[in-house]
N, C-alpha and C. Protein backbone atom coordinates (compact mmCIF):
# COMPACT_ATOMS: atom_id res chain seq x y z
N MET A 1 94.76 106.87 126.76
CA MET A 1 95.00 108.16 127.36
C MET A 1 93.75 108.56 128.13
N SER A 2 93.93 109.01 129.35
CA SER A 2 92.78 109.38 130.18
C SER A 2 92.19 110.69 129.70
N VAL A 3 90.99 110.96 130.15
CA VAL A 3 90.31 112.21 129.82
C VAL A 3 91.16 113.39 130.28
N VAL A 4 91.73 113.29 131.46
CA VAL A 4 92.55 114.37 132.01
C VAL A 4 93.76 114.62 131.12
N THR A 5 94.47 113.56 130.78
CA THR A 5 95.66 113.69 129.94
C THR A 5 95.31 114.28 128.58
N LYS A 6 94.21 113.82 128.01
CA LYS A 6 93.80 114.31 126.69
C LYS A 6 93.51 115.81 126.75
N ILE A 7 92.80 116.27 127.76
CA ILE A 7 92.49 117.70 127.87
C ILE A 7 93.77 118.51 128.01
N ILE A 8 94.68 118.05 128.83
CA ILE A 8 95.94 118.77 129.03
C ILE A 8 96.74 118.83 127.73
N LEU A 9 96.87 117.69 127.06
CA LEU A 9 97.64 117.66 125.81
C LEU A 9 97.00 118.50 124.72
N ASP A 10 95.67 118.43 124.61
CA ASP A 10 94.98 119.24 123.60
C ASP A 10 95.21 120.73 123.87
N ALA A 11 95.05 121.14 125.12
CA ALA A 11 95.26 122.55 125.46
C ALA A 11 96.71 122.95 125.19
N ASP A 12 97.64 122.13 125.59
CA ASP A 12 99.05 122.45 125.40
C ASP A 12 99.41 122.53 123.92
N ASN A 13 98.89 121.61 123.13
CA ASN A 13 99.16 121.64 121.68
C ASN A 13 98.65 122.91 121.02
N GLU A 14 97.58 123.48 121.59
CA GLU A 14 96.99 124.72 121.05
C GLU A 14 97.46 125.95 121.83
N LEU A 15 98.41 125.78 122.73
CA LEU A 15 98.98 126.87 123.52
C LEU A 15 97.90 127.69 124.23
N ARG A 16 97.02 126.98 124.93
CA ARG A 16 95.92 127.64 125.63
C ARG A 16 95.64 126.93 126.94
N TYR A 17 94.82 127.55 127.76
CA TYR A 17 94.32 126.90 128.96
C TYR A 17 93.11 126.05 128.58
N PRO A 18 92.80 125.04 129.39
CA PRO A 18 91.59 124.27 129.11
C PRO A 18 90.36 125.18 129.09
N SER A 19 89.40 124.84 128.23
CA SER A 19 88.18 125.63 128.08
C SER A 19 87.18 125.31 129.18
N ILE A 20 86.16 126.14 129.29
CA ILE A 20 85.07 125.91 130.25
C ILE A 20 84.43 124.55 129.98
N GLY A 21 84.21 124.24 128.70
CA GLY A 21 83.62 122.95 128.33
C GLY A 21 84.50 121.78 128.77
N GLU A 22 85.79 121.94 128.63
CA GLU A 22 86.71 120.89 129.07
C GLU A 22 86.70 120.74 130.59
N PHE A 23 86.62 121.88 131.29
CA PHE A 23 86.50 121.81 132.76
C PHE A 23 85.21 121.10 133.17
N GLU A 24 84.13 121.37 132.46
CA GLU A 24 82.86 120.69 132.74
C GLU A 24 83.00 119.19 132.51
N GLY A 25 83.70 118.82 131.44
CA GLY A 25 83.96 117.40 131.18
C GLY A 25 84.75 116.75 132.30
N LEU A 26 85.75 117.48 132.80
CA LEU A 26 86.54 116.96 133.93
C LEU A 26 85.68 116.83 135.17
N LYS A 27 84.85 117.83 135.41
CA LYS A 27 83.96 117.79 136.58
C LYS A 27 83.06 116.55 136.51
N ASN A 28 82.50 116.31 135.34
CA ASN A 28 81.65 115.13 135.15
C ASN A 28 82.45 113.85 135.35
N TYR A 29 83.65 113.81 134.80
CA TYR A 29 84.52 112.64 134.96
C TYR A 29 84.78 112.35 136.44
N PHE A 30 85.16 113.38 137.19
CA PHE A 30 85.45 113.18 138.61
C PHE A 30 84.20 112.89 139.43
N ASN A 31 83.07 113.49 139.07
CA ASN A 31 81.83 113.22 139.79
C ASN A 31 81.38 111.77 139.66
N HIS A 32 81.78 111.12 138.57
CA HIS A 32 81.36 109.73 138.34
C HIS A 32 82.49 108.72 138.55
N SER A 33 83.61 109.17 139.08
CA SER A 33 84.76 108.27 139.22
C SER A 33 84.48 107.13 140.20
N GLU A 34 83.79 107.41 141.29
CA GLU A 34 83.49 106.34 142.26
C GLU A 34 82.61 105.27 141.63
N GLU A 35 81.63 105.69 140.85
CA GLU A 35 80.75 104.73 140.17
C GLU A 35 81.54 103.88 139.17
N ARG A 36 82.47 104.49 138.44
CA ARG A 36 83.29 103.73 137.50
C ARG A 36 84.14 102.69 138.23
N ILE A 37 84.68 103.07 139.37
CA ILE A 37 85.50 102.12 140.15
C ILE A 37 84.64 100.96 140.64
N ILE A 38 83.43 101.25 141.08
CA ILE A 38 82.52 100.19 141.54
C ILE A 38 82.23 99.22 140.39
N ILE A 39 81.96 99.76 139.21
CA ILE A 39 81.67 98.92 138.04
C ILE A 39 82.87 98.04 137.70
N VAL A 40 84.05 98.61 137.70
CA VAL A 40 85.26 97.83 137.39
C VAL A 40 85.46 96.73 138.42
N ARG A 41 85.23 97.02 139.67
CA ARG A 41 85.36 95.99 140.71
C ARG A 41 84.37 94.85 140.49
N ILE A 42 83.14 95.19 140.13
CA ILE A 42 82.14 94.15 139.86
C ILE A 42 82.60 93.27 138.71
N LEU A 43 83.02 93.89 137.61
CA LEU A 43 83.45 93.11 136.45
C LEU A 43 84.68 92.26 136.78
N ARG A 44 85.59 92.82 137.54
CA ARG A 44 86.79 92.07 137.95
C ARG A 44 86.40 90.89 138.84
N ASP A 45 85.58 91.15 139.85
CA ASP A 45 85.23 90.12 140.80
C ASP A 45 84.33 89.03 140.21
N LYS A 46 83.54 89.39 139.21
CA LYS A 46 82.61 88.45 138.57
C LYS A 46 83.14 87.91 137.25
N GLN A 47 84.41 88.16 136.95
CA GLN A 47 84.97 87.75 135.66
C GLN A 47 84.70 86.28 135.35
N GLU A 48 84.97 85.42 136.29
CA GLU A 48 84.78 83.98 136.04
C GLU A 48 83.33 83.66 135.70
N ASP A 49 82.40 84.21 136.47
CA ASP A 49 80.97 83.98 136.21
C ASP A 49 80.55 84.57 134.87
N ILE A 50 81.05 85.76 134.56
CA ILE A 50 80.72 86.41 133.29
C ILE A 50 81.21 85.56 132.13
N ILE A 51 82.43 85.07 132.23
CA ILE A 51 83.00 84.27 131.14
C ILE A 51 82.24 82.95 130.98
N LYS A 52 81.83 82.35 132.08
CA LYS A 52 81.04 81.10 131.98
C LYS A 52 79.72 81.35 131.26
N LEU A 53 79.02 82.42 131.64
CA LEU A 53 77.75 82.75 130.99
C LEU A 53 77.95 83.05 129.51
N ALA A 54 78.97 83.83 129.21
CA ALA A 54 79.23 84.22 127.83
C ALA A 54 79.62 83.01 126.97
N SER A 55 80.42 82.12 127.53
CA SER A 55 80.84 80.96 126.74
C SER A 55 79.67 80.02 126.48
N LYS A 56 78.80 79.85 127.45
CA LYS A 56 77.60 79.04 127.20
C LYS A 56 76.76 79.65 126.09
N ALA A 57 76.62 80.97 126.14
CA ALA A 57 75.79 81.66 125.14
C ALA A 57 76.38 81.56 123.74
N ILE A 58 77.69 81.77 123.60
CA ILE A 58 78.28 81.74 122.26
C ILE A 58 78.22 80.34 121.66
N PHE A 59 78.39 79.31 122.49
CA PHE A 59 78.36 77.95 121.95
C PHE A 59 76.93 77.47 121.69
N GLN A 60 75.95 78.17 122.24
CA GLN A 60 74.56 77.90 121.85
C GLN A 60 74.26 78.55 120.51
N ILE A 61 74.82 79.74 120.29
CA ILE A 61 74.63 80.43 119.01
C ILE A 61 75.40 79.72 117.90
N HIS A 62 76.62 79.30 118.22
CA HIS A 62 77.52 78.68 117.23
C HIS A 62 78.01 77.32 117.75
N PRO A 63 77.14 76.32 117.79
CA PRO A 63 77.58 75.01 118.29
C PRO A 63 78.66 74.37 117.40
N GLU A 64 78.76 74.84 116.17
CA GLU A 64 79.78 74.29 115.26
C GLU A 64 81.20 74.62 115.74
N TYR A 65 81.35 75.60 116.60
CA TYR A 65 82.69 75.95 117.09
C TYR A 65 83.25 74.88 118.02
N ILE A 66 82.38 74.18 118.74
CA ILE A 66 82.88 73.13 119.65
C ILE A 66 82.72 71.73 119.07
N ALA A 67 82.15 71.66 117.87
CA ALA A 67 82.01 70.38 117.17
C ALA A 67 83.38 69.96 116.63
N PRO A 68 83.55 68.69 116.30
CA PRO A 68 84.82 68.25 115.71
C PRO A 68 85.21 69.12 114.51
N GLY A 69 86.45 69.63 114.55
CA GLY A 69 86.94 70.49 113.49
C GLY A 69 86.65 71.98 113.71
N GLY A 70 85.93 72.29 114.77
CA GLY A 70 85.57 73.68 115.05
C GLY A 70 86.71 74.44 115.70
N ASN A 71 86.61 75.76 115.68
CA ASN A 71 87.66 76.61 116.23
C ASN A 71 87.86 76.44 117.74
N ALA A 72 86.84 75.98 118.45
CA ALA A 72 86.95 75.79 119.90
C ALA A 72 86.80 74.32 120.28
N GLU A 73 87.15 73.46 119.34
CA GLU A 73 87.08 72.01 119.60
C GLU A 73 88.13 71.63 120.63
N GLY A 74 87.73 70.88 121.61
CA GLY A 74 88.66 70.39 122.62
C GLY A 74 88.99 71.42 123.68
N ALA A 75 89.53 70.93 124.78
CA ALA A 75 89.78 71.78 125.95
C ALA A 75 90.82 72.86 125.67
N LYS A 76 91.87 72.53 124.92
CA LYS A 76 92.94 73.51 124.68
C LYS A 76 92.44 74.69 123.85
N LYS A 77 91.77 74.41 122.74
CA LYS A 77 91.25 75.48 121.89
C LYS A 77 90.18 76.29 122.62
N ARG A 78 89.36 75.61 123.38
CA ARG A 78 88.31 76.30 124.12
C ARG A 78 88.91 77.24 125.17
N SER A 79 89.97 76.81 125.83
CA SER A 79 90.60 77.67 126.84
C SER A 79 91.23 78.90 126.20
N LEU A 80 91.72 78.78 124.96
CA LEU A 80 92.25 79.95 124.26
C LEU A 80 91.14 80.96 123.97
N CYS A 81 89.98 80.46 123.60
CA CYS A 81 88.83 81.35 123.36
C CYS A 81 88.45 82.07 124.64
N LEU A 82 88.43 81.35 125.73
CA LEU A 82 88.03 81.94 127.01
C LEU A 82 89.09 82.93 127.51
N ARG A 83 90.35 82.68 127.17
CA ARG A 83 91.40 83.64 127.51
C ARG A 83 91.12 84.99 126.84
N ASP A 84 90.69 84.93 125.58
CA ASP A 84 90.34 86.16 124.87
C ASP A 84 89.18 86.88 125.55
N TYR A 85 88.23 86.13 126.08
CA TYR A 85 87.12 86.76 126.82
C TYR A 85 87.65 87.60 127.98
N GLY A 86 88.58 87.03 128.74
CA GLY A 86 89.16 87.76 129.86
C GLY A 86 89.88 89.02 129.39
N TRP A 87 90.57 88.92 128.26
CA TRP A 87 91.28 90.07 127.71
C TRP A 87 90.30 91.18 127.34
N TYR A 88 89.22 90.84 126.64
CA TYR A 88 88.26 91.86 126.22
C TYR A 88 87.52 92.46 127.41
N LEU A 89 87.26 91.66 128.42
CA LEU A 89 86.62 92.21 129.62
C LEU A 89 87.56 93.22 130.30
N ARG A 90 88.84 92.89 130.36
CA ARG A 90 89.81 93.85 130.91
C ARG A 90 89.88 95.12 130.08
N LEU A 91 89.85 94.99 128.75
CA LEU A 91 89.86 96.18 127.90
C LEU A 91 88.69 97.10 128.21
N VAL A 92 87.53 96.51 128.42
CA VAL A 92 86.35 97.31 128.76
C VAL A 92 86.60 98.05 130.08
N THR A 93 87.19 97.38 131.05
CA THR A 93 87.43 98.05 132.34
C THR A 93 88.44 99.19 132.19
N TYR A 94 89.41 99.03 131.29
CA TYR A 94 90.37 100.12 131.05
C TYR A 94 89.64 101.35 130.51
N GLY A 95 88.73 101.12 129.58
CA GLY A 95 87.95 102.22 129.04
C GLY A 95 87.08 102.89 130.09
N ILE A 96 86.45 102.08 130.93
CA ILE A 96 85.60 102.63 131.99
C ILE A 96 86.44 103.48 132.94
N LEU A 97 87.59 102.99 133.34
CA LEU A 97 88.44 103.75 134.26
C LEU A 97 88.95 105.05 133.65
N SER A 98 89.38 104.98 132.40
CA SER A 98 89.96 106.16 131.77
C SER A 98 88.91 107.13 131.26
N GLY A 99 87.68 106.65 131.08
CA GLY A 99 86.62 107.51 130.59
C GLY A 99 86.70 107.78 129.10
N GLU A 100 87.40 106.93 128.36
CA GLU A 100 87.52 107.10 126.91
C GLU A 100 87.76 105.75 126.24
N LYS A 101 87.65 105.75 124.91
CA LYS A 101 87.77 104.50 124.16
C LYS A 101 89.12 104.35 123.47
N GLU A 102 89.94 105.39 123.51
CA GLU A 102 91.23 105.36 122.82
C GLU A 102 92.13 104.23 123.34
N SER A 103 92.12 104.00 124.65
CA SER A 103 92.96 102.93 125.20
C SER A 103 92.51 101.56 124.69
N ILE A 104 91.21 101.39 124.53
CA ILE A 104 90.70 100.13 123.98
C ILE A 104 91.19 99.96 122.56
N GLU A 105 91.13 101.03 121.80
CA GLU A 105 91.58 100.96 120.42
C GLU A 105 93.06 100.64 120.34
N GLN A 106 93.88 101.36 121.10
CA GLN A 106 95.33 101.19 121.04
C GLN A 106 95.76 99.81 121.55
N LEU A 107 95.14 99.35 122.62
CA LEU A 107 95.57 98.09 123.23
C LEU A 107 94.92 96.85 122.61
N GLY A 108 93.74 97.01 122.02
CA GLY A 108 93.05 95.79 121.67
C GLY A 108 92.29 95.70 120.38
N THR A 109 92.10 96.79 119.65
CA THR A 109 91.30 96.63 118.43
C THR A 109 92.07 96.92 117.15
N ILE A 110 93.17 97.65 117.24
CA ILE A 110 93.95 97.92 116.03
C ILE A 110 94.58 96.59 115.57
N GLY A 111 94.24 96.19 114.38
CA GLY A 111 94.80 94.97 113.81
C GLY A 111 94.15 93.67 114.26
N VAL A 112 93.13 93.76 115.12
CA VAL A 112 92.53 92.53 115.65
C VAL A 112 91.80 91.75 114.57
N LYS A 113 91.14 92.45 113.67
CA LYS A 113 90.42 91.77 112.60
C LYS A 113 91.39 90.98 111.72
N GLU A 114 92.51 91.61 111.38
CA GLU A 114 93.52 90.93 110.57
C GLU A 114 94.10 89.73 111.29
N MET A 115 94.32 89.88 112.60
CA MET A 115 94.88 88.78 113.38
C MET A 115 93.92 87.58 113.37
N TYR A 116 92.64 87.85 113.65
CA TYR A 116 91.68 86.74 113.68
C TYR A 116 91.54 86.11 112.30
N ASN A 117 91.53 86.93 111.25
CA ASN A 117 91.46 86.37 109.91
C ASN A 117 92.65 85.47 109.62
N SER A 118 93.85 85.90 110.03
CA SER A 118 95.04 85.08 109.78
C SER A 118 95.02 83.77 110.56
N LEU A 119 94.33 83.78 111.70
CA LEU A 119 94.23 82.56 112.51
C LEU A 119 93.04 81.68 112.10
N GLY A 120 92.25 82.16 111.15
CA GLY A 120 91.08 81.40 110.70
C GLY A 120 89.91 81.49 111.66
N VAL A 121 89.89 82.53 112.48
CA VAL A 121 88.79 82.73 113.42
C VAL A 121 87.75 83.62 112.75
N PRO A 122 86.52 83.15 112.64
CA PRO A 122 85.49 83.95 111.98
C PRO A 122 85.19 85.24 112.75
N ILE A 123 85.21 86.38 112.04
CA ILE A 123 84.95 87.67 112.68
C ILE A 123 83.52 87.70 113.22
N LEU A 124 82.57 87.12 112.49
CA LEU A 124 81.19 87.08 113.00
C LEU A 124 81.14 86.40 114.36
N GLY A 125 81.88 85.33 114.50
CA GLY A 125 81.93 84.63 115.79
C GLY A 125 82.53 85.49 116.88
N MET A 126 83.54 86.28 116.53
CA MET A 126 84.15 87.16 117.53
C MET A 126 83.19 88.28 117.93
N THR A 127 82.50 88.87 116.96
CA THR A 127 81.56 89.93 117.33
C THR A 127 80.41 89.35 118.13
N ASP A 128 79.97 88.16 117.76
CA ASP A 128 78.92 87.50 118.56
C ASP A 128 79.41 87.20 119.97
N SER A 129 80.67 86.79 120.09
CA SER A 129 81.17 86.45 121.43
C SER A 129 81.33 87.71 122.29
N ILE A 130 81.70 88.85 121.71
CA ILE A 130 81.77 90.08 122.49
C ILE A 130 80.37 90.50 122.90
N GLU A 131 79.40 90.30 122.03
CA GLU A 131 77.99 90.58 122.38
C GLU A 131 77.55 89.69 123.55
N CYS A 132 77.94 88.42 123.52
CA CYS A 132 77.62 87.51 124.62
C CYS A 132 78.32 87.95 125.91
N LEU A 133 79.56 88.39 125.78
CA LEU A 133 80.31 88.89 126.94
C LEU A 133 79.63 90.13 127.52
N LYS A 134 79.17 91.00 126.65
CA LYS A 134 78.45 92.20 127.10
C LYS A 134 77.18 91.79 127.85
N ASN A 135 76.39 90.92 127.25
CA ASN A 135 75.13 90.51 127.88
C ASN A 135 75.37 89.80 129.21
N ALA A 136 76.41 88.98 129.27
CA ALA A 136 76.73 88.30 130.53
C ALA A 136 77.15 89.31 131.60
N SER A 137 77.92 90.31 131.21
CA SER A 137 78.36 91.35 132.15
C SER A 137 77.17 92.12 132.71
N LEU A 138 76.21 92.39 131.86
CA LEU A 138 75.04 93.17 132.28
C LEU A 138 74.20 92.44 133.34
N GLU A 139 74.35 91.14 133.40
CA GLU A 139 73.63 90.36 134.42
C GLU A 139 74.03 90.77 135.84
N PHE A 140 75.19 91.36 135.99
CA PHE A 140 75.73 91.69 137.32
C PHE A 140 75.70 93.19 137.61
N LEU A 141 75.12 93.97 136.70
CA LEU A 141 75.13 95.42 136.83
C LEU A 141 73.72 96.00 136.89
N SER A 142 73.59 97.13 137.55
CA SER A 142 72.32 97.86 137.54
C SER A 142 72.13 98.51 136.17
N ASP A 143 70.95 99.06 135.94
CA ASP A 143 70.69 99.72 134.66
C ASP A 143 71.63 100.90 134.44
N SER A 144 71.85 101.70 135.47
CA SER A 144 72.73 102.87 135.30
C SER A 144 74.18 102.43 135.08
N GLN A 145 74.59 101.35 135.73
CA GLN A 145 75.93 100.83 135.51
C GLN A 145 76.05 100.27 134.09
N ALA A 146 75.00 99.62 133.63
CA ALA A 146 74.99 99.08 132.27
C ALA A 146 75.14 100.20 131.25
N ASP A 147 74.48 101.33 131.50
CA ASP A 147 74.59 102.47 130.59
C ASP A 147 76.03 102.94 130.43
N CYS A 148 76.81 102.79 131.48
CA CYS A 148 78.23 103.17 131.43
C CYS A 148 79.06 102.15 130.66
N VAL A 149 78.71 100.89 130.76
CA VAL A 149 79.51 99.79 130.22
C VAL A 149 79.24 99.50 128.74
N VAL A 150 77.99 99.56 128.34
CA VAL A 150 77.59 99.16 126.99
C VAL A 150 78.38 99.86 125.88
N PRO A 151 78.61 101.16 125.96
CA PRO A 151 79.34 101.81 124.85
C PRO A 151 80.74 101.23 124.61
N TYR A 152 81.38 100.74 125.64
CA TYR A 152 82.73 100.19 125.47
C TYR A 152 82.68 98.83 124.76
N PHE A 153 81.72 98.00 125.13
CA PHE A 153 81.54 96.74 124.40
C PHE A 153 81.17 97.03 122.95
N ASN A 154 80.23 97.96 122.75
CA ASN A 154 79.80 98.28 121.39
C ASN A 154 80.94 98.82 120.54
N PHE A 155 81.84 99.57 121.18
CA PHE A 155 83.00 100.08 120.46
C PHE A 155 83.87 98.93 119.95
N ILE A 156 84.08 97.92 120.78
CA ILE A 156 84.89 96.75 120.37
C ILE A 156 84.19 96.02 119.23
N ILE A 157 82.89 95.80 119.38
CA ILE A 157 82.12 95.11 118.34
C ILE A 157 82.20 95.88 117.02
N GLN A 158 82.00 97.20 117.10
CA GLN A 158 82.06 98.03 115.90
C GLN A 158 83.45 97.99 115.27
N SER A 159 84.48 98.03 116.09
CA SER A 159 85.86 98.00 115.58
C SER A 159 86.14 96.69 114.84
N MET A 160 85.61 95.60 115.35
CA MET A 160 85.81 94.31 114.69
C MET A 160 85.00 94.19 113.41
N SER A 161 83.86 94.87 113.38
CA SER A 161 82.95 94.76 112.24
C SER A 161 83.40 95.57 111.03
N ASN A 162 84.16 96.62 111.26
CA ASN A 162 84.60 97.49 110.15
C ASN A 162 85.72 96.89 109.36
């Protein structure tokens, strides 16, 4: 749910007009909308490069994943891991565009820990791989852009860790 939708629904549920604080939040959201769009375009356009950097990093941290018997052994299993990287990068862009983390939670983190556990995928490896994805993404962003992006990656990492 976008910031705008949330403010409207909250006000409507309480039978009131949006507050001054909520208007200020909207003003801030709209003042930074162009920057959010630029960030999303960078992440979209650099997705392949980001995923390559992140995959190299995770397999350096956890070489056992690509070793015989590992979760990312062979081309097929490795491509499934990389597919998840693309999914999580898209989730981050959804959060950046909407200005909130609820969409990330609803679309990608509710039940994810249970799913990975049922598939035999180590949660530590997943949190490490999201950290690698975050670090790889930051290679293509300015410091101010990174400040916008980091909380969304951290939210995913935290959701998996709990």
